[in-house]
Amino acid sequence: MKNVLVFGGCGFLGHYLVQELLRRDYKVTIADISDHSEFLEQITFEFCDISNRENVDRVFSTGNFEVVYNLAGFANLDDAIKNPIKTLELNVIGNMYVLENCIKNNTAKFVYASSAYAMSNKGSFYGISKLASEKIIEQYHKKHGLDFVILRYGSVYSERPYENNYIFNLVKEAILSKEINHSGDGNEIREYIHAADAAKLSVDVIESNEFLNYHMILTGTERMKRKELFEMIKEILNGDVHIKCNESGYHNHYKFTPYSFEASVSKKIIANPHIDMGQGILECIRAVHHDL
């Protein structure tokens, strides 16, 4: 049984990652500023603000962790744009506090939750913070030999109500207001992946040396335009939804691809089998109705 530490384990993706780690019989410690987790009886919880070095040091003093995941920090692009200093404090400096402790405590593998925006010249301060952290991780590997896996997540969704769960919030809006309001033109292309599938892949990468010191892209096989997603939701809801695309306020998001020539070369893995997009949306609808 490996001892695994997950920073941000109470968040959106963190929930599914911890669930998958427990399913595979790992011993899990969550470090987070929130203790909102249904797994508290199965894990060890440590309060931690990763922008506070003493907090991070204390968490590492509680055990010998073979694998450390960092999912903490700003995960919302628009929030990051509004809070550039806090974004760098959390996503870059906080990550360095974690890395320093991994070196001091002889952590075998470090897994970093990055983003497709690290490969893009879009994404403003959010993308910059993710790319900066990736480069810093690479330097820690070169200088100290810390093995890493960088996971560049794409468009993750699920039926759980989190602030940064785009599709769930979209479905909720469609049910409650009978409208879908989108600030782009609807032609933006995304490859959606259910959080449960993303979590499985996120654990797969620590169970093989095949992925060591690589940047892995985690997206789904459900490649579609935003407006196709909107139409799918509308059809599942029997057409009782008005779709509005106003083509403004979407300048910091990529349209067709996150790739930019200056980004690091990556490999891509996909979940097979995976949760079907239509089934995933149905689960979102059921979850919203359950709370009404």
C-alpha atoms as a PDB file:
ATOM      1  CA  MET A   1       0.000   0.000   0.000  1.00  0.00           C
ATOM      2  CA  LYS A   2       1.639   3.233  -1.166  1.00  0.00           C
ATOM      3  CA  ASN A   3       1.293   6.393   0.888  1.00  0.00           C
ATOM      4  CA  VAL A   4      -0.075   9.168  -1.369  1.00  0.00           C
ATOM      5  CA  LEU A   5      -0.468  12.865  -0.579  1.00  0.00           C
ATOM      6  CA  VAL A   6      -3.010  14.891  -2.573  1.00  0.00           C
ATOM      7  CA  PHE A   7      -2.956  18.672  -2.382  1.00  0.00           C
ATOM      8  CA  GLY A   8      -6.396  19.937  -3.387  1.00  0.00           C
ATOM      9  CA  GLY A   9      -7.993  16.561  -2.769  1.00  0.00           C
ATOM     10  CA  CYS A  10     -11.336  18.106  -1.781  1.00  0.00           C
ATOM     11  CA  GLY A  11     -11.780  19.942  -5.072  1.00  0.00           C
ATOM     12  CA  PHE A  12     -13.630  18.986  -8.235  1.00  0.00           C
ATOM     13  CA  LEU A  13     -11.050  16.711  -9.828  1.00  0.00           C
ATOM     14  CA  GLY A  14      -9.524  15.938  -6.429  1.00  0.00           C
ATOM     15  CA  HIS A  15     -12.729  14.200  -5.343  1.00  0.00           C
ATOM     16  CA  TYR A  16     -12.540  11.727  -8.214  1.00  0.00           C
ATOM     17  CA  LEU A  17      -8.792  11.238  -7.863  1.00  0.00           C
ATOM     18  CA  VAL A  18      -9.084  10.371  -4.163  1.00  0.00           C
ATOM     19  CA  GLN A  19     -12.002   8.050  -4.921  1.00  0.00           C
ATOM     20  CA  GLU A  20      -9.916   6.210  -7.516  1.00  0.00           C
ATOM     21  CA  LEU A  21      -6.850   6.004  -5.262  1.00  0.00           C
ATOM     22  CA  LEU A  22      -8.948   4.497  -2.480  1.00  0.00           C
ATOM     23  CA  ARG A  23     -10.533   2.060  -4.924  1.00  0.00           C
ATOM     24  CA  ARG A  24      -7.034   0.820  -5.763  1.00  0.00           C
ATOM     25  CA  ASP A  25      -6.125   0.511  -2.055  1.00  0.00           C
ATOM     26  CA  TYR A  26      -3.713   3.428  -1.724  1.00  0.00           C
ATOM     27  CA  LYS A  27      -3.311   5.093   1.655  1.00  0.00           C
ATOM     28  CA  VAL A  28      -4.387   8.705   1.060  1.00  0.00           C
ATOM     29  CA  THR A  29      -3.723  11.984   2.843  1.00  0.00           C
ATOM     30  CA  ILE A  30      -5.596  15.066   1.619  1.00  0.00           C
ATOM     31  CA  ALA A  31      -4.094  18.537   2.130  1.00  0.00           C
ATOM     32  CA  ASP A  32      -6.630  21.274   1.443  1.00  0.00           C
ATOM     33  CA  ILE A  33      -8.149  24.471   2.814  1.00  0.00           C
ATOM     34  CA  SER A  34     -11.538  22.726   2.741  1.00  0.00           C
ATOM     35  CA  ASP A  35     -12.533  19.493   4.453  1.00  0.00           C
ATOM     36  CA  HIS A  36     -15.644  18.991   2.290  1.00  0.00           C
ATOM     37  CA  SER A  37     -14.999  15.383   1.328  1.00  0.00           C
ATOM     38  CA  GLU A  38     -17.154  12.315   1.658  1.00  0.00           C
ATOM     39  CA  PHE A  39     -14.001  10.245   2.204  1.00  0.00           C
ATOM     40  CA  LEU A  40     -12.921  11.769   5.542  1.00  0.00           C
ATOM     41  CA  GLU A  41     -13.375   8.473   7.375  1.00  0.00           C
ATOM     42  CA  GLN A  42     -11.140   6.692   4.863  1.00  0.00           C
ATOM     43  CA  ILE A  43      -8.317   9.203   4.572  1.00  0.00           C
ATOM     44  CA  THR A  44      -6.113  11.474   6.695  1.00  0.00           C
ATOM     45  CA  PHE A  45      -6.978  15.153   6.340  1.00  0.00           C
ATOM     46  CA  GLU A  46      -4.534  18.021   6.894  1.00  0.00           C
ATOM     47  CA  PHE A  47      -5.509  21.665   6.598  1.00  0.00           C
ATOM     48  CA  CYS A  48      -3.128  23.411   4.191  1.00  0.00           C
ATOM     49  CA  ASP A  49      -2.921  26.673   2.294  1.00  0.00           C
ATOM     50  CA  ILE A  50      -0.152  25.992  -0.229  1.00  0.00           C
ATOM     51  CA  SER A  51       0.722  29.687  -0.392  1.00  0.00           C
ATOM     52  CA  ASN A  52       1.839  29.324   3.249  1.00  0.00           C
ATOM     53  CA  ARG A  53       5.226  27.597   3.422  1.00  0.00           C
ATOM     54  CA  GLU A  54       4.797  26.586   7.066  1.00  0.00           C
ATOM     55  CA  ASN A  55       1.519  24.862   6.200  1.00  0.00           C
ATOM     56  CA  VAL A  56       3.194  22.844   3.455  1.00  0.00           C
ATOM     57  CA  ASP A  57       6.187  21.954   5.658  1.00  0.00           C
ATOM     58  CA  ARG A  58       3.856  20.726   8.408  1.00  0.00           C
ATOM     59  CA  VAL A  59       1.880  18.485   6.050  1.00  0.00           C
ATOM     60  CA  PHE A  60       5.049  16.731   4.889  1.00  0.00           C
ATOM     61  CA  SER A  61       6.120  16.201   8.492  1.00  0.00           C
ATOM     62  CA  THR A  62       3.059  13.987   9.088  1.00  0.00           C
ATOM     63  CA  GLY A  63       4.227  11.055   6.970  1.00  0.00           C
ATOM     64  CA  ASN A  64       6.533   9.574   4.359  1.00  0.00           C
ATOM     65  CA  PHE A  65       4.795  10.044   1.026  1.00  0.00           C
ATOM     66  CA  GLU A  66       5.938   8.025  -1.972  1.00  0.00           C
ATOM     67  CA  VAL A  67       3.698   9.888  -4.408  1.00  0.00           C
ATOM     68  CA  VAL A  68       2.568  13.525  -4.200  1.00  0.00           C
ATOM     69  CA  TYR A  69      -0.154  15.062  -6.360  1.00  0.00           C
ATOM     70  CA  ASN A  70      -0.640  18.816  -6.581  1.00  0.00           C
ATOM     71  CA  LEU A  71      -4.154  19.728  -7.722  1.00  0.00           C
ATOM     72  CA  ALA A  72      -4.361  22.844  -5.521  1.00  0.00           C
ATOM     73  CA  GLY A  73      -4.479  26.465  -6.654  1.00  0.00           C
ATOM     74  CA  PHE A  74      -6.621  28.476  -9.056  1.00  0.00           C
ATOM     75  CA  ALA A  75      -8.440  26.194 -11.469  1.00  0.00           C
ATOM     76  CA  ASN A  76     -10.720  28.792 -13.064  1.00  0.00           C
ATOM     77  CA  LEU A  77      -9.318  30.863 -15.914  1.00  0.00           C
ATOM     78  CA  ASP A  78     -11.590  33.854 -15.372  1.00  0.00           C
ATOM     79  CA  ASP A  79     -10.843  33.967 -11.615  1.00  0.00           C
ATOM     80  CA  ALA A  80      -7.132  33.848 -12.400  1.00  0.00           C
ATOM     81  CA  ILE A  81      -7.429  36.790 -14.800  1.00  0.00           C
ATOM     82  CA  LYS A  82      -9.083  38.848 -12.044  1.00  0.00           C
ATOM     83  CA  ASN A  83      -6.462  37.852  -9.436  1.00  0.00           C
ATOM     84  CA  PRO A  84      -3.048  37.677 -11.147  1.00  0.00           C
ATOM     85  CA  ILE A  85      -0.912  38.032  -8.001  1.00  0.00           C
ATOM     86  CA  LYS A  86      -2.876  35.418  -6.064  1.00  0.00           C
ATOM     87  CA  THR A  87      -2.725  33.169  -9.118  1.00  0.00           C
ATOM     88  CA  LEU A  88       1.080  33.282  -9.167  1.00  0.00           C
ATOM     89  CA  GLU A  89       1.258  32.837  -5.385  1.00  0.00           C
ATOM     90  CA  LEU A  90      -0.875  29.702  -5.496  1.00  0.00           C
ATOM     91  CA  ASN A  91      -0.044  28.140  -8.847  1.00  0.00           C
ATOM     92  CA  VAL A  92       3.685  28.895  -8.939  1.00  0.00           C
ATOM     93  CA  ILE A  93       5.117  29.767  -5.509  1.00  0.00           C
ATOM     94  CA  GLY A  94       2.824  27.324  -3.707  1.00  0.00           C
ATOM     95  CA  ASN A  95       3.860  24.598  -6.118  1.00  0.00           C
ATOM     96  CA  MET A  96       7.520  25.384  -5.405  1.00  0.00           C
ATOM     97  CA  TYR A  97       6.913  24.924  -1.669  1.00  0.00           C
ATOM     98  CA  VAL A  98       5.549  21.476  -2.481  1.00  0.00           C
ATOM     99  CA  LEU A  99       8.504  20.680  -4.754  1.00  0.00           C
ATOM    100  CA  GLU A 100      11.036  21.754  -2.113  1.00  0.00           C
ATOM    101  CA  ASN A 101       9.447  19.377   0.366  1.00  0.00           C
ATOM    102  CA  CYS A 102       9.372  16.560  -2.171  1.00  0.00           C
ATOM    103  CA  ILE A 103      13.158  16.932  -2.498  1.00  0.00           C
ATOM    104  CA  LYS A 104      13.764  17.132   1.264  1.00  0.00           C
ATOM    105  CA  ASN A 105      11.532  14.130   1.958  1.00  0.00           C
ATOM    106  CA  ASN A 106      12.707  11.896  -0.913  1.00  0.00           C
ATOM    107  CA  THR A 107       9.348  11.687  -2.683  1.00  0.00           C
ATOM    108  CA  ALA A 108       9.529   9.099  -5.470  1.00  0.00           C
ATOM    109  CA  LYS A 109       7.009  10.677  -7.875  1.00  0.00           C
ATOM    110  CA  PHE A 110       5.471  14.115  -8.182  1.00  0.00           C
ATOM    111  CA  VAL A 111       2.305  14.562 -10.262  1.00  0.00           C
ATOM    112  CA  TYR A 112       1.248  18.069 -11.255  1.00  0.00           C
ATOM    113  CA  ALA A 113      -2.210  19.057 -12.458  1.00  0.00           C
ATOM    114  CA  SER A 114      -1.540  21.422 -15.331  1.00  0.00           C
ATOM    115  CA  SER A 115      -3.856  22.523 -18.120  1.00  0.00           C
ATOM    116  CA  ALA A 116      -4.270  22.553 -21.869  1.00  0.00           C
ATOM    117  CA  TYR A 117      -3.725  26.313 -21.529  1.00  0.00           C
ATOM    118  CA  ALA A 118      -0.067  25.674 -20.703  1.00  0.00           C
ATOM    119  CA  MET A 119       0.299  24.795 -24.400  1.00  0.00           C
ATOM    120  CA  SER A 120      -1.396  27.965 -25.589  1.00  0.00           C
ATOM    121  CA  ASN A 121      -0.730  31.667 -25.887  1.00  0.00           C
ATOM    122  CA  LYS A 122      -4.301  32.074 -24.654  1.00  0.00           C
ATOM    123  CA  GLY A 123      -5.291  31.702 -21.021  1.00  0.00           C
ATOM    124  CA  SER A 124      -3.741  34.905 -19.689  1.00  0.00           C
ATOM    125  CA  PHE A 125      -2.287  34.619 -16.156  1.00  0.00           C
ATOM    126  CA  TYR A 126      -3.771  31.150 -15.683  1.00  0.00           C
ATOM    127  CA  GLY A 127      -1.948  29.653 -18.656  1.00  0.00           C
ATOM    128  CA  ILE A 128       1.221  31.537 -17.746  1.00  0.00           C
ATOM    129  CA  SER A 129       1.140  30.182 -14.200  1.00  0.00           C
ATOM    130  CA  LYS A 130       0.699  26.604 -15.415  1.00  0.00           C
ATOM    131  CA  LEU A 131       3.488  26.829 -17.980  1.00  0.00           C
ATOM    132  CA  ALA A 132       5.821  28.482 -15.454  1.00  0.00           C
ATOM    133  CA  SER A 133       5.187  25.659 -12.984  1.00  0.00           C
ATOM    134  CA  GLU A 134       5.831  23.057 -15.675  1.00  0.00           C
ATOM    135  CA  LYS A 135       9.202  24.625 -16.481  1.00  0.00           C
ATOM    136  CA  ILE A 136      10.101  24.824 -12.796  1.00  0.00           C
ATOM    137  CA  ILE A 137       9.214  21.140 -12.311  1.00  0.00           C
ATOM    138  CA  GLU A 138      11.475  20.237 -15.216  1.00  0.00           C
ATOM    139  CA  GLN A 139      14.336  22.135 -13.558  1.00  0.00           C
ATOM    140  CA  TYR A 140      13.786  20.360 -10.231  1.00  0.00           C
ATOM    141  CA  HIS A 141      14.052  17.095 -12.145  1.00  0.00           C
ATOM    142  CA  LYS A 142      17.300  18.161 -13.817  1.00  0.00           C
ATOM    143  CA  LYS A 143      18.845  19.524 -10.626  1.00  0.00           C
ATOM    144  CA  HIS A 144      17.569  17.051  -8.025  1.00  0.00           C
ATOM    145  CA  GLY A 145      16.395  14.016  -9.993  1.00  0.00           C
ATOM    146  CA  LEU A 146      12.764  14.342  -8.839  1.00  0.00           C
ATOM    147  CA  ASP A 147      10.678  12.162 -11.138  1.00  0.00           C
ATOM    148  CA  PHE A 148       7.480  13.833 -12.301  1.00  0.00           C
ATOM    149  CA  VAL A 149       4.393  13.428 -14.436  1.00  0.00           C
ATOM    150  CA  ILE A 150       2.701  16.584 -15.703  1.00  0.00           C
ATOM    151  CA  LEU A 151      -0.974  16.093 -16.536  1.00  0.00           C
ATOM    152  CA  ARG A 152      -2.451  18.652 -18.896  1.00  0.00           C
ATOM    153  CA  TYR A 153      -6.192  18.352 -18.336  1.00  0.00           C
ATOM    154  CA  GLY A 154      -8.627  19.442 -21.012  1.00  0.00           C
ATOM    155  CA  SER A 155     -12.369  19.987 -20.603  1.00  0.00           C
ATOM    156  CA  VAL A 156     -13.269  17.939 -17.518  1.00  0.00           C
ATOM    157  CA  TYR A 157     -16.891  17.603 -16.397  1.00  0.00           C
ATOM    158  CA  SER A 158     -19.129  15.495 -14.153  1.00  0.00           C
ATOM    159  CA  GLU A 159     -22.520  15.453 -12.451  1.00  0.00           C
ATOM    160  CA  ARG A 160     -21.183  16.972  -9.207  1.00  0.00           C
ATOM    161  CA  PRO A 161     -21.950  20.649  -8.394  1.00  0.00           C
ATOM    162  CA  TYR A 162     -18.607  22.456  -8.386  1.00  0.00           C
ATOM    163  CA  GLU A 163     -18.022  26.085  -9.355  1.00  0.00           C
ATOM    164  CA  ASN A 164     -15.573  25.106 -12.108  1.00  0.00           C
ATOM    165  CA  ASN A 165     -17.704  22.222 -13.468  1.00  0.00           C
ATOM    166  CA  TYR A 166     -18.705  23.933 -16.710  1.00  0.00           C
ATOM    167  CA  ILE A 167     -21.100  21.357 -18.151  1.00  0.00           C
ATOM    168  CA  PHE A 168     -22.950  20.740 -14.884  1.00  0.00           C
ATOM    169  CA  ASN A 169     -23.471  24.487 -14.422  1.00  0.00           C
ATOM    170  CA  LEU A 170     -24.559  24.781 -18.058  1.00  0.00           C
ATOM    171  CA  VAL A 171     -27.153  22.036 -17.592  1.00  0.00           C
ATOM    172  CA  LYS A 172     -28.355  23.618 -14.348  1.00  0.00           C
ATOM    173  CA  GLU A 173     -28.820  26.979 -16.092  1.00  0.00           C
ATOM    174  CA  ALA A 174     -30.706  25.292 -18.936  1.00  0.00           C
ATOM    175  CA  ILE A 175     -33.075  23.553 -16.513  1.00  0.00           C
ATOM    176  CA  LEU A 176     -33.719  26.507 -14.223  1.00  0.00           C
ATOM    177  CA  SER A 177     -33.818  29.403 -16.703  1.00  0.00           C
ATOM    178  CA  LYS A 178     -34.629  27.545 -19.936  1.00  0.00           C
ATOM    179  CA  GLU A 179     -31.647  29.342 -21.453  1.00  0.00           C
ATOM    180  CA  ILE A 180     -28.029  28.720 -22.386  1.00  0.00           C
ATOM    181  CA  ASN A 181     -26.007  31.931 -22.586  1.00  0.00           C
ATOM    182  CA  HIS A 182     -22.572  31.675 -24.166  1.00  0.00           C
ATOM    183  CA  SER A 183     -20.101  34.526 -24.607  1.00  0.00           C
ATOM    184  CA  GLY A 184     -18.462  33.009 -27.696  1.00  0.00           C
ATOM    185  CA  ASP A 185     -19.809  32.175 -31.155  1.00  0.00           C
ATOM    186  CA  GLY A 186     -20.346  28.509 -30.314  1.00  0.00           C
ATOM    187  CA  ASN A 187     -17.817  27.203 -32.833  1.00  0.00           C
ATOM    188  CA  GLU A 188     -15.139  26.588 -30.189  1.00  0.00           C
ATOM    189  CA  ILE A 189     -14.036  22.957 -30.200  1.00  0.00           C
ATOM    190  CA  ARG A 190     -13.452  20.935 -27.020  1.00  0.00           C
ATOM    191  CA  GLU A 191     -12.689  17.296 -26.215  1.00  0.00           C
ATOM    192  CA  TYR A 192     -14.730  16.566 -23.109  1.00  0.00           C
ATOM    193  CA  ILE A 193     -13.671  13.977 -20.554  1.00  0.00           C
ATOM    194  CA  HIS A 194     -15.630  12.845 -17.516  1.00  0.00           C
ATOM    195  CA  ALA A 195     -13.790  13.482 -14.240  1.00  0.00           C
ATOM    196  CA  ALA A 196     -14.015   9.792 -13.324  1.00  0.00           C
ATOM    197  CA  ASP A 197     -12.176   8.883 -16.535  1.00  0.00           C
ATOM    198  CA  ALA A 198      -9.610  11.632 -15.929  1.00  0.00           C
ATOM    199  CA  ALA A 199      -9.050  10.298 -12.406  1.00  0.00           C
ATOM    200  CA  LYS A 200      -8.455   6.753 -13.646  1.00  0.00           C
ATOM    201  CA  LEU A 201      -5.830   7.992 -16.083  1.00  0.00           C
ATOM    202  CA  SER A 202      -4.316  10.145 -13.321  1.00  0.00           C
ATOM    203  CA  VAL A 203      -3.734   7.035 -11.214  1.00  0.00           C
ATOM    204  CA  ASP A 204      -2.604   4.912 -14.158  1.00  0.00           C
ATOM    205  CA  VAL A 205       0.396   7.217 -14.629  1.00  0.00           C
ATOM    206  CA  ILE A 206       1.849   6.425 -11.189  1.00  0.00           C
ATOM    207  CA  GLU A 207       1.553   2.671 -11.681  1.00  0.00           C
ATOM    208  CA  SER A 208       3.990   2.508 -14.579  1.00  0.00           C
ATOM    209  CA  ASN A 209       7.381   4.063 -15.271  1.00  0.00           C
ATOM    210  CA  GLU A 210       6.244   4.558 -18.872  1.00  0.00           C
ATOM    211  CA  PHE A 211       4.957   8.037 -18.037  1.00  0.00           C
ATOM    212  CA  LEU A 212       7.847   9.277 -15.906  1.00  0.00           C
ATOM    213  CA  ASN A 213       9.107  12.762 -16.777  1.00  0.00           C
ATOM    214  CA  TYR A 214       6.545  13.277 -19.524  1.00  0.00           C
ATOM    215  CA  HIS A 215       3.811  15.826 -20.140  1.00  0.00           C
ATOM    216  CA  MET A 216       0.579  13.893 -20.634  1.00  0.00           C
ATOM    217  CA  ILE A 217      -2.549  15.373 -22.243  1.00  0.00           C
ATOM    218  CA  LEU A 218      -5.764  14.097 -20.681  1.00  0.00           C
ATOM    219  CA  THR A 219      -8.794  14.794 -22.853  1.00  0.00           C
ATOM    220  CA  GLY A 220     -11.758  12.772 -23.994  1.00  0.00           C
ATOM    221  CA  THR A 221     -12.805  11.266 -27.291  1.00  0.00           C
ATOM    222  CA  GLU A 222     -15.947  13.459 -27.372  1.00  0.00           C
ATOM    223  CA  ARG A 223     -14.698  16.172 -29.732  1.00  0.00           C
ATOM    224  CA  MET A 224     -17.427  18.682 -30.505  1.00  0.00           C
ATOM    225  CA  LYS A 225     -18.228  22.343 -30.966  1.00  0.00           C
ATOM    226  CA  ARG A 226     -19.743  24.230 -28.062  1.00  0.00           C
ATOM    227  CA  LYS A 227     -22.939  24.796 -30.042  1.00  0.00           C
ATOM    228  CA  GLU A 228     -23.190  21.038 -30.654  1.00  0.00           C
ATOM    229  CA  LEU A 229     -22.991  20.518 -26.897  1.00  0.00           C
ATOM    230  CA  PHE A 230     -25.721  23.132 -26.402  1.00  0.00           C
ATOM    231  CA  GLU A 231     -27.923  21.450 -28.984  1.00  0.00           C
ATOM    232  CA  MET A 232     -27.368  18.055 -27.334  1.00  0.00           C
ATOM    233  CA  ILE A 233     -28.487  19.462 -23.974  1.00  0.00           C
ATOM    234  CA  LYS A 234     -31.466  21.142 -25.641  1.00  0.00           C
ATOM    235  CA  GLU A 235     -32.503  17.911 -27.339  1.00  0.00           C
ATOM    236  CA  ILE A 236     -32.183  15.860 -24.128  1.00  0.00           C
ATOM    237  CA  LEU A 237     -34.387  18.457 -22.423  1.00  0.00           C
ATOM    238  CA  ASN A 238     -36.989  18.057 -25.186  1.00  0.00           C
ATOM    239  CA  GLY A 239     -36.175  21.317 -26.919  1.00  0.00           C
ATOM    240  CA  ASP A 240     -37.317  23.558 -24.087  1.00  0.00           C
ATOM    241  CA  VAL A 241     -34.123  25.663 -24.060  1.00  0.00           C
ATOM    242  CA  HIS A 242     -33.211  28.935 -25.806  1.00  0.00           C
ATOM    243  CA  ILE A 243     -29.555  29.165 -26.904  1.00  0.00           C
ATOM    244  CA  LYS A 244     -27.826  32.560 -27.062  1.00  0.00           C
ATOM    245  CA  CYS A 245     -24.303  33.056 -28.444  1.00  0.00           C
ATOM    246  CA  ASN A 246     -23.257  36.707 -28.280  1.00  0.00           C
ATOM    247  CA  GLU A 247     -19.626  36.374 -29.445  1.00  0.00           C
ATOM    248  CA  SER A 248     -18.138  38.632 -26.748  1.00  0.00           C
ATOM    249  CA  GLY A 249     -15.965  38.108 -23.693  1.00  0.00           C
ATOM    250  CA  TYR A 250     -14.282  34.934 -24.901  1.00  0.00           C
ATOM    251  CA  HIS A 251     -10.940  36.384 -25.937  1.00  0.00           C
ATOM    252  CA  ASN A 252      -8.777  34.535 -23.409  1.00  0.00           C
ATOM    253  CA  HIS A 253     -10.099  31.088 -24.342  1.00  0.00           C
ATOM    254  CA  TYR A 254      -8.725  29.054 -27.231  1.00  0.00           C
ATOM    255  CA  LYS A 255     -11.129  28.397 -30.094  1.00  0.00           C
ATOM    256  CA  PHE A 256     -10.063  25.276 -31.986  1.00  0.00           C
ATOM    257  CA  THR A 257      -6.865  24.048 -30.343  1.00  0.00           C
ATOM    258  CA  PRO A 258      -4.761  24.910 -27.284  1.00  0.00           C
ATOM    259  CA  TYR A 259      -1.509  24.136 -29.102  1.00  0.00           C
ATOM    260  CA  SER A 260       1.086  26.865 -29.644  1.00  0.00           C
ATOM    261  CA  PHE A 261       4.489  26.379 -31.209  1.00  0.00           C
ATOM    262  CA  GLU A 262       6.357  27.466 -28.061  1.00  0.00           C
ATOM    263  CA  ALA A 263       4.853  24.754 -25.828  1.00  0.00           C
ATOM    264  CA  SER A 264       6.635  21.567 -24.770  1.00  0.00           C
ATOM    265  CA  VAL A 265       6.032  18.411 -26.796  1.00  0.00           C
ATOM    266  CA  SER A 266       3.416  16.178 -25.182  1.00  0.00           C
ATOM    267  CA  LYS A 267       1.947  12.716 -25.434  1.00  0.00           C
ATOM    268  CA  LYS A 268      -1.772  12.131 -25.223  1.00  0.00           C
ATOM    269  CA  ILE A 269      -3.708   9.397 -23.443  1.00  0.00           C
ATOM    270  CA  ILE A 270      -7.446   8.776 -23.509  1.00  0.00           C
ATOM    271  CA  ALA A 271      -9.767   6.662 -21.404  1.00  0.00           C
ATOM    272  CA  ASN A 272     -10.955   3.439 -22.997  1.00  0.00           C
ATOM    273  CA  PRO A 273     -13.634   2.551 -22.100  1.00  0.00           C
ATOM    274  CA  HIS A 274     -14.962   5.987 -21.219  1.00  0.00           C
ATOM    275  CA  ILE A 275     -18.200   7.585 -20.033  1.00  0.00           C
ATOM    276  CA  ASP A 276     -20.336   8.536 -23.034  1.00  0.00           C
ATOM    277  CA  MET A 277     -21.014  12.272 -23.389  1.00  0.00           C
ATOM    278  CA  GLY A 278     -24.786  11.864 -23.615  1.00  0.00           C
ATOM    279  CA  GLN A 279     -24.809   9.655 -20.531  1.00  0.00           C
ATOM    280  CA  GLY A 280     -22.658  12.188 -18.711  1.00  0.00           C
ATOM    281  CA  ILE A 281     -25.116  14.989 -19.485  1.00  0.00           C
ATOM    282  CA  LEU A 282     -28.028  12.814 -18.324  1.00  0.00           C
ATOM    283  CA  GLU A 283     -26.252  12.316 -14.989  1.00  0.00           C
ATOM    284  CA  CYS A 284     -25.859  16.106 -14.688  1.00  0.00           C
ATOM    285  CA  ILE A 285     -29.591  16.567 -15.342  1.00  0.00           C
ATOM    286  CA  ARG A 286     -30.501  13.922 -12.743  1.00  0.00           C
ATOM    287  CA  ALA A 287     -28.212  15.578 -10.203  1.00  0.00           C
ATOM    288  CA  VAL A 288     -29.774  19.012 -10.758  1.00  0.00           C
ATOM    289  CA  HIS A 289     -33.325  17.627 -10.467  1.00  0.00           C
ATOM    290  CA  HIS A 290     -32.340  15.750  -7.318  1.00  0.00           C
ATOM    291  CA  ASP A 291     -31.461  19.060  -5.616  1.00  0.00           C
ATOM    292  CA  LEU A 292     -34.589  20.951  -6.759  1.00  0.00           C
END
